[in-house]
Amino acid sequence: MAHHLTDLEIESIVKVIENWPDSRKLTYENLKSHLTDTLGLISTRQTLQKFRRIKEAMKARKNKSSDIEPLVIPASLSIAAKKIKRIELENERLDRENNNLLSQFMVWQYNASKHGVNMRMLNMPLPIKRG
């Protein structure tokens, strides 16, 4: 029986999608099977598609698969090590920024709820100035 997914489970699913092997076609059916085998998660395609983060990860991974560029190998291990270190530092920075944004969102969500602002109001499109 499928169950509601927690934020931690959604994060795990997104990581599985991001690391999906190129040798295996990424479909919701293959993903469901993999999640059942590796994480013990039993879910439906509809449940997986309900979450924006999962849908966007699927879309990004499928686009990545079709846009594969040839691998550029650095001239030396030193250059490669420096590039890896730079990318790791950037990734850590982006993780911190993401966590800060998620914390800020939680504060906004609480305050909006406290003051009677609902999701419909929050999701209203921006006004367009004409002329």
N, C-alpha and C. Protein backbone atom coordinates (compact mmCIF):
# COMPACT_ATOMS: atom_id res chain seq x y z
N MET A 1 0.84 -1.18 0.00
CA MET A 1 0.00 0.00 0.00
C MET A 1 0.88 1.24 0.00
N ALA A 2 0.62 2.16 -0.88
CA ALA A 2 1.38 3.40 -0.96
C ALA A 2 1.06 4.27 0.25
N HIS A 3 2.05 5.05 0.67
CA HIS A 3 1.83 5.94 1.79
C HIS A 3 2.29 7.35 1.43
N HIS A 4 1.94 8.31 2.27
CA HIS A 4 2.37 9.67 2.04
C HIS A 4 3.88 9.76 2.25
N LEU A 5 4.54 10.53 1.41
CA LEU A 5 5.99 10.63 1.49
C LEU A 5 6.40 11.77 2.41
N THR A 6 7.43 11.52 3.21
CA THR A 6 7.97 12.55 4.09
C THR A 6 9.00 13.37 3.30
N ASP A 7 9.38 14.52 3.87
CA ASP A 7 10.40 15.35 3.22
C ASP A 7 11.71 14.58 3.05
N LEU A 8 12.06 13.78 4.05
CA LEU A 8 13.30 12.99 3.98
C LEU A 8 13.22 11.95 2.85
N GLU A 9 12.07 11.32 2.71
CA GLU A 9 11.89 10.34 1.63
C GLU A 9 11.93 11.03 0.26
N ILE A 10 11.32 12.20 0.17
CA ILE A 10 11.35 12.94 -1.09
C ILE A 10 12.79 13.30 -1.45
N GLU A 11 13.55 13.75 -0.47
CA GLU A 11 14.96 14.09 -0.70
C GLU A 11 15.74 12.86 -1.17
N SER A 12 15.48 11.71 -0.57
CA SER A 12 16.14 10.46 -0.97
C SER A 12 15.78 10.09 -2.41
N ILE A 13 14.52 10.27 -2.76
CA ILE A 13 14.06 9.95 -4.11
C ILE A 13 14.73 10.87 -5.13
N VAL A 14 14.82 12.15 -4.80
CA VAL A 14 15.48 13.11 -5.70
C VAL A 14 16.94 12.73 -5.91
N LYS A 15 17.61 12.30 -4.85
CA LYS A 15 19.02 11.88 -4.98
C LYS A 15 19.14 10.63 -5.85
N VAL A 16 18.20 9.71 -5.70
CA VAL A 16 18.19 8.51 -6.55
C VAL A 16 18.05 8.92 -8.02
N ILE A 17 17.15 9.85 -8.28
CA ILE A 17 16.92 10.32 -9.66
C ILE A 17 18.18 11.00 -10.21
N GLU A 18 18.80 11.86 -9.40
CA GLU A 18 20.00 12.58 -9.84
C GLU A 18 21.14 11.63 -10.16
N ASN A 19 21.21 10.51 -9.44
CA ASN A 19 22.30 9.55 -9.64
C ASN A 19 21.88 8.35 -10.50
N TRP A 20 20.78 8.48 -11.21
CA TRP A 20 20.27 7.38 -12.03
C TRP A 20 21.31 7.02 -13.10
N PRO A 21 21.60 5.73 -13.25
CA PRO A 21 22.60 5.33 -14.25
C PRO A 21 22.12 5.55 -15.68
N ASP A 22 23.03 6.02 -16.53
CA ASP A 22 22.68 6.27 -17.94
C ASP A 22 22.28 4.99 -18.66
N SER A 23 22.76 3.85 -18.15
CA SER A 23 22.50 2.58 -18.82
C SER A 23 21.05 2.10 -18.65
N ARG A 24 20.32 2.68 -17.74
CA ARG A 24 18.94 2.25 -17.49
C ARG A 24 17.99 3.41 -17.75
N LYS A 25 16.95 3.15 -18.53
CA LYS A 25 15.98 4.18 -18.87
C LYS A 25 15.24 4.65 -17.62
N LEU A 26 15.14 5.96 -17.45
CA LEU A 26 14.45 6.53 -16.30
C LEU A 26 12.97 6.71 -16.63
N THR A 27 12.16 5.86 -16.02
CA THR A 27 10.71 5.96 -16.13
C THR A 27 10.16 5.87 -14.71
N TYR A 28 8.91 6.28 -14.53
CA TYR A 28 8.31 6.18 -13.21
C TYR A 28 8.20 4.72 -12.77
N GLU A 29 7.95 3.82 -13.72
CA GLU A 29 7.86 2.40 -13.37
C GLU A 29 9.21 1.87 -12.88
N ASN A 30 10.29 2.20 -13.62
CA ASN A 30 11.62 1.77 -13.21
C ASN A 30 12.01 2.41 -11.87
N LEU A 31 11.64 3.67 -11.69
CA LEU A 31 11.95 4.36 -10.44
C LEU A 31 11.21 3.70 -9.28
N LYS A 32 9.91 3.41 -9.45
CA LYS A 32 9.13 2.74 -8.41
C LYS A 32 9.77 1.42 -8.02
N SER A 33 10.17 0.63 -9.01
CA SER A 33 10.79 -0.66 -8.76
C SER A 33 12.09 -0.49 -7.98
N HIS A 34 12.90 0.48 -8.40
CA HIS A 34 14.18 0.73 -7.73
C HIS A 34 13.96 1.18 -6.28
N LEU A 35 12.99 2.06 -6.06
CA LEU A 35 12.71 2.55 -4.71
C LEU A 35 12.24 1.42 -3.80
N THR A 36 11.45 0.52 -4.35
CA THR A 36 10.98 -0.62 -3.56
C THR A 36 12.14 -1.53 -3.20
N ASP A 37 13.03 -1.80 -4.17
CA ASP A 37 14.15 -2.70 -3.94
C ASP A 37 15.20 -2.11 -3.00
N THR A 38 15.52 -0.82 -3.17
CA THR A 38 16.62 -0.24 -2.41
C THR A 38 16.20 0.45 -1.12
N LEU A 39 15.11 1.20 -1.16
CA LEU A 39 14.69 1.96 0.02
C LEU A 39 13.49 1.35 0.74
N GLY A 40 12.89 0.36 0.12
CA GLY A 40 11.70 -0.26 0.71
C GLY A 40 10.47 0.63 0.62
N LEU A 41 10.51 1.63 -0.26
CA LEU A 41 9.37 2.53 -0.44
C LEU A 41 8.42 1.97 -1.49
N ILE A 42 7.19 1.82 -1.13
CA ILE A 42 6.18 1.38 -2.08
C ILE A 42 5.33 2.60 -2.39
N SER A 43 5.34 3.00 -3.66
CA SER A 43 4.63 4.21 -4.04
C SER A 43 4.02 4.02 -5.42
N THR A 44 3.09 4.88 -5.75
CA THR A 44 2.49 4.85 -7.07
C THR A 44 3.07 5.98 -7.92
N ARG A 45 2.90 5.86 -9.22
CA ARG A 45 3.35 6.91 -10.14
C ARG A 45 2.65 8.22 -9.79
N GLN A 46 1.37 8.13 -9.48
CA GLN A 46 0.60 9.33 -9.17
C GLN A 46 1.14 10.03 -7.91
N THR A 47 1.52 9.24 -6.92
CA THR A 47 2.08 9.81 -5.69
C THR A 47 3.40 10.50 -5.99
N LEU A 48 4.23 9.85 -6.79
CA LEU A 48 5.53 10.44 -7.13
C LEU A 48 5.36 11.72 -7.93
N GLN A 49 4.42 11.72 -8.87
CA GLN A 49 4.21 12.90 -9.72
C GLN A 49 3.57 14.05 -8.97
N LYS A 50 3.00 13.78 -7.83
CA LYS A 50 2.32 14.81 -7.04
C LYS A 50 3.33 15.82 -6.46
N PHE A 51 4.57 15.41 -6.29
CA PHE A 51 5.57 16.25 -5.65
C PHE A 51 6.41 16.98 -6.70
N ARG A 52 6.40 18.30 -6.63
CA ARG A 52 7.10 19.14 -7.60
C ARG A 52 8.59 18.81 -7.65
N ARG A 53 9.21 18.60 -6.50
CA ARG A 53 10.66 18.32 -6.48
C ARG A 53 10.98 17.04 -7.25
N ILE A 54 10.13 16.03 -7.12
CA ILE A 54 10.36 14.77 -7.83
C ILE A 54 10.14 14.97 -9.32
N LYS A 55 9.05 15.66 -9.69
CA LYS A 55 8.77 15.91 -11.11
C LYS A 55 9.90 16.71 -11.76
N GLU A 56 10.38 17.74 -11.07
CA GLU A 56 11.45 18.56 -11.62
C GLU A 56 12.76 17.77 -11.73
N ALA A 57 13.02 16.91 -10.75
CA ALA A 57 14.23 16.08 -10.80
C ALA A 57 14.15 15.11 -11.98
N MET A 58 12.98 14.53 -12.20
CA MET A 58 12.80 13.62 -13.34
C MET A 58 13.03 14.37 -14.65
N LYS A 59 12.43 15.54 -14.77
CA LYS A 59 12.56 16.33 -15.99
C LYS A 59 14.02 16.73 -16.22
N ALA A 60 14.69 17.19 -15.17
CA ALA A 60 16.09 17.61 -15.30
C ALA A 60 16.98 16.43 -15.68
N ARG A 61 16.73 15.27 -15.07
CA ARG A 61 17.56 14.09 -15.35
C ARG A 61 17.35 13.61 -16.78
N LYS A 62 16.10 13.65 -17.23
CA LYS A 62 15.83 13.23 -18.61
C LYS A 62 16.47 14.20 -19.59
N ASN A 63 16.42 15.49 -19.31
CA ASN A 63 17.08 16.48 -20.17
C ASN A 63 18.58 16.29 -20.16
N LYS A 64 19.13 15.97 -18.98
CA LYS A 64 20.57 15.74 -18.87
C LYS A 64 20.98 14.55 -19.72
N SER A 65 20.17 13.51 -19.72
CA SER A 65 20.48 12.32 -20.49
C SER A 65 20.51 12.62 -21.98
N SER A 66 19.65 13.51 -22.43
CA SER A 66 19.60 13.81 -23.86
C SER A 66 20.63 14.85 -24.27
N ASP A 67 21.16 15.59 -23.30
CA ASP A 67 22.14 16.64 -23.60
C ASP A 67 23.55 16.26 -23.17
N ILE A 68 23.88 14.98 -23.20
CA ILE A 68 25.19 14.54 -22.74
C ILE A 68 26.28 15.11 -23.64
N GLU A 69 27.22 15.80 -22.99
CA GLU A 69 28.35 16.37 -23.70
C GLU A 69 29.54 15.44 -23.54
N PRO A 70 30.47 15.48 -24.48
CA PRO A 70 31.66 14.65 -24.33
C PRO A 70 32.45 15.05 -23.08
N LEU A 71 33.02 14.06 -22.43
CA LEU A 71 33.79 14.28 -21.21
C LEU A 71 35.10 14.98 -21.53
N VAL A 72 35.34 16.11 -20.85
CA VAL A 72 36.59 16.84 -21.03
C VAL A 72 37.49 16.46 -19.87
N ILE A 73 38.63 15.89 -20.19
CA ILE A 73 39.57 15.44 -19.17
C ILE A 73 40.64 16.51 -18.97
N PRO A 74 40.83 16.97 -17.71
CA PRO A 74 41.86 17.97 -17.45
C PRO A 74 43.25 17.44 -17.79
N ALA A 75 44.16 18.37 -18.08
CA ALA A 75 45.51 18.00 -18.48
C ALA A 75 46.29 17.33 -17.35
N SER A 76 45.96 17.65 -16.09
CA SER A 76 46.71 17.04 -14.99
C SER A 76 45.77 16.76 -13.82
N LEU A 77 46.25 15.90 -12.92
CA LEU A 77 45.47 15.60 -11.72
C LEU A 77 45.38 16.81 -10.81
N SER A 78 46.39 17.65 -10.83
CA SER A 78 46.38 18.86 -10.01
C SER A 78 45.24 19.79 -10.43
N ILE A 79 45.08 19.98 -11.72
CA ILE A 79 44.00 20.83 -12.23
C ILE A 79 42.65 20.21 -11.86
N ALA A 80 42.54 18.90 -12.03
CA ALA A 80 41.30 18.20 -11.70
C ALA A 80 40.98 18.33 -10.21
N ALA A 81 42.00 18.18 -9.36
CA ALA A 81 41.79 18.28 -7.91
C ALA A 81 41.33 19.68 -7.53
N LYS A 82 41.91 20.70 -8.14
CA LYS A 82 41.51 22.08 -7.85
C LYS A 82 40.07 22.32 -8.28
N LYS A 83 39.72 21.80 -9.45
CA LYS A 83 38.35 21.97 -9.94
C LYS A 83 37.36 21.26 -9.02
N ILE A 84 37.70 20.05 -8.58
CA ILE A 84 36.83 19.30 -7.68
C ILE A 84 36.65 20.06 -6.37
N LYS A 85 37.74 20.59 -5.83
CA LYS A 85 37.67 21.34 -4.57
C LYS A 85 36.78 22.58 -4.74
N ARG A 86 36.94 23.30 -5.86
CA ARG A 86 36.14 24.49 -6.12
C ARG A 86 34.65 24.13 -6.21
N ILE A 87 34.37 23.04 -6.90
CA ILE A 87 32.98 22.61 -7.06
C ILE A 87 32.40 22.16 -5.71
N GLU A 88 33.20 21.47 -4.89
CA GLU A 88 32.74 21.05 -3.57
C GLU A 88 32.42 22.25 -2.69
N LEU A 89 33.28 23.27 -2.73
CA LEU A 89 33.04 24.49 -1.95
C LEU A 89 31.78 25.21 -2.42
N GLU A 90 31.61 25.26 -3.74
CA GLU A 90 30.41 25.89 -4.30
C GLU A 90 29.16 25.12 -3.88
N ASN A 91 29.24 23.80 -3.91
CA ASN A 91 28.12 22.96 -3.51
C ASN A 91 27.76 23.18 -2.05
N GLU A 92 28.78 23.28 -1.18
CA GLU A 92 28.53 23.54 0.24
C GLU A 92 27.86 24.90 0.42
N ARG A 93 28.32 25.90 -0.32
CA ARG A 93 27.74 27.24 -0.24
C ARG A 93 26.27 27.20 -0.68
N LEU A 94 26.01 26.51 -1.79
CA LEU A 94 24.64 26.42 -2.29
C LEU A 94 23.74 25.67 -1.31
N ASP A 95 24.28 24.64 -0.66
CA ASP A 95 23.51 23.92 0.36
C ASP A 95 23.15 24.84 1.52
N ARG A 96 24.12 25.65 1.97
CA ARG A 96 23.85 26.59 3.06
C ARG A 96 22.79 27.61 2.63
N GLU A 97 22.93 28.15 1.43
CA GLU A 97 21.95 29.12 0.93
C GLU A 97 20.56 28.48 0.84
N ASN A 98 20.49 27.26 0.35
CA ASN A 98 19.22 26.56 0.24
C ASN A 98 18.59 26.35 1.62
N ASN A 99 19.39 25.94 2.59
CA ASN A 99 18.88 25.74 3.95
C ASN A 99 18.39 27.05 4.55
N ASN A 100 19.12 28.14 4.29
CA ASN A 100 18.68 29.45 4.78
C ASN A 100 17.35 29.86 4.14
N LEU A 101 17.22 29.61 2.84
CA LEU A 101 15.96 29.94 2.16
C LEU A 101 14.81 29.09 2.67
N LEU A 102 15.06 27.80 2.93
CA LEU A 102 14.02 26.94 3.48
C LEU A 102 13.60 27.40 4.87
N SER A 103 14.56 27.84 5.68
CA SER A 103 14.24 28.36 7.01
C SER A 103 13.40 29.62 6.89
N GLN A 104 13.80 30.51 5.99
CA GLN A 104 13.04 31.75 5.79
C GLN A 104 11.63 31.43 5.31
N PHE A 105 11.50 30.47 4.42
CA PHE A 105 10.19 30.08 3.93
C PHE A 105 9.31 29.58 5.06
N MET A 106 9.88 28.79 5.97
CA MET A 106 9.10 28.27 7.09
C MET A 106 8.59 29.41 7.98
N VAL A 107 9.43 30.44 8.19
CA VAL A 107 9.00 31.61 8.96
C VAL A 107 7.85 32.30 8.24
N TRP A 108 8.00 32.50 6.92
CA TRP A 108 6.95 33.16 6.15
C TRP A 108 5.67 32.34 6.17
N GLN A 109 5.82 31.03 6.03
CA GLN A 109 4.66 30.14 6.03
C GLN A 109 3.90 30.25 7.35
N TYR A 110 4.63 30.24 8.45
CA TYR A 110 4.01 30.35 9.77
C TYR A 110 3.29 31.69 9.90
N ASN A 111 3.99 32.77 9.55
CA ASN A 111 3.41 34.10 9.69
C ASN A 111 2.21 34.29 8.77
N ALA A 112 2.26 33.78 7.57
CA ALA A 112 1.13 33.88 6.65
C ALA A 112 -0.08 33.15 7.23
N SER A 113 0.16 31.96 7.74
CA SER A 113 -0.93 31.18 8.33
C SER A 113 -1.51 31.89 9.55
N LYS A 114 -0.64 32.46 10.36
CA LYS A 114 -1.05 33.17 11.58
C LYS A 114 -1.93 34.38 11.25
N HIS A 115 -1.67 35.02 10.11
CA HIS A 115 -2.40 36.22 9.74
C HIS A 115 -3.50 35.97 8.70
N GLY A 116 -3.85 34.70 8.51
CA GLY A 116 -4.99 34.37 7.66
C GLY A 116 -4.73 34.40 6.17
N VAL A 117 -3.46 34.37 5.77
CA VAL A 117 -3.14 34.35 4.34
C VAL A 117 -3.13 32.89 3.90
N ASN A 118 -3.92 32.57 2.86
CA ASN A 118 -4.00 31.18 2.42
C ASN A 118 -3.18 30.96 1.14
N MET A 119 -3.08 29.70 0.72
CA MET A 119 -2.26 29.35 -0.44
C MET A 119 -2.76 30.02 -1.72
N ARG A 120 -4.08 30.13 -1.86
CA ARG A 120 -4.62 30.78 -3.05
C ARG A 120 -4.12 32.22 -3.14
N MET A 121 -4.11 32.90 -2.01
CA MET A 121 -3.64 34.29 -1.98
C MET A 121 -2.14 34.36 -2.30
N LEU A 122 -1.38 33.43 -1.74
CA LEU A 122 0.07 33.43 -1.95
C LEU A 122 0.45 33.11 -3.39
N ASN A 123 -0.37 32.31 -4.06
CA ASN A 123 -0.05 31.88 -5.41
C ASN A 123 -0.66 32.75 -6.51
N MET A 124 -1.24 33.86 -6.10
CA MET A 124 -1.80 34.76 -7.11
C MET A 124 -0.66 35.32 -7.98
N PRO A 125 -0.89 35.41 -9.30
CA PRO A 125 0.17 35.94 -10.18
C PRO A 125 0.44 37.41 -9.89
N LEU A 126 1.63 37.85 -10.25
CA LEU A 126 1.98 39.25 -10.08
C LEU A 126 1.15 40.10 -11.02
N PRO A 127 0.78 41.30 -10.58
CA PRO A 127 0.02 42.19 -11.49
C PRO A 127 0.89 42.64 -12.64
N ILE A 128 0.31 42.73 -13.80
CA ILE A 128 1.04 43.16 -14.99
C ILE A 128 0.68 44.60 -15.28
N LYS A 129 1.70 45.46 -15.35
CA LYS A 129 1.45 46.85 -15.67
C LYS A 129 1.45 47.00 -17.18
N ARG A 130 0.41 47.61 -17.69
CA ARG A 130 0.30 47.79 -19.14
C ARG A 130 0.37 49.27 -19.46
N GLY A 131 1.00 49.53 -20.61
CA GLY A 131 0.98 50.86 -21.17
C GLY A 131 1.96 51.77 -20.57
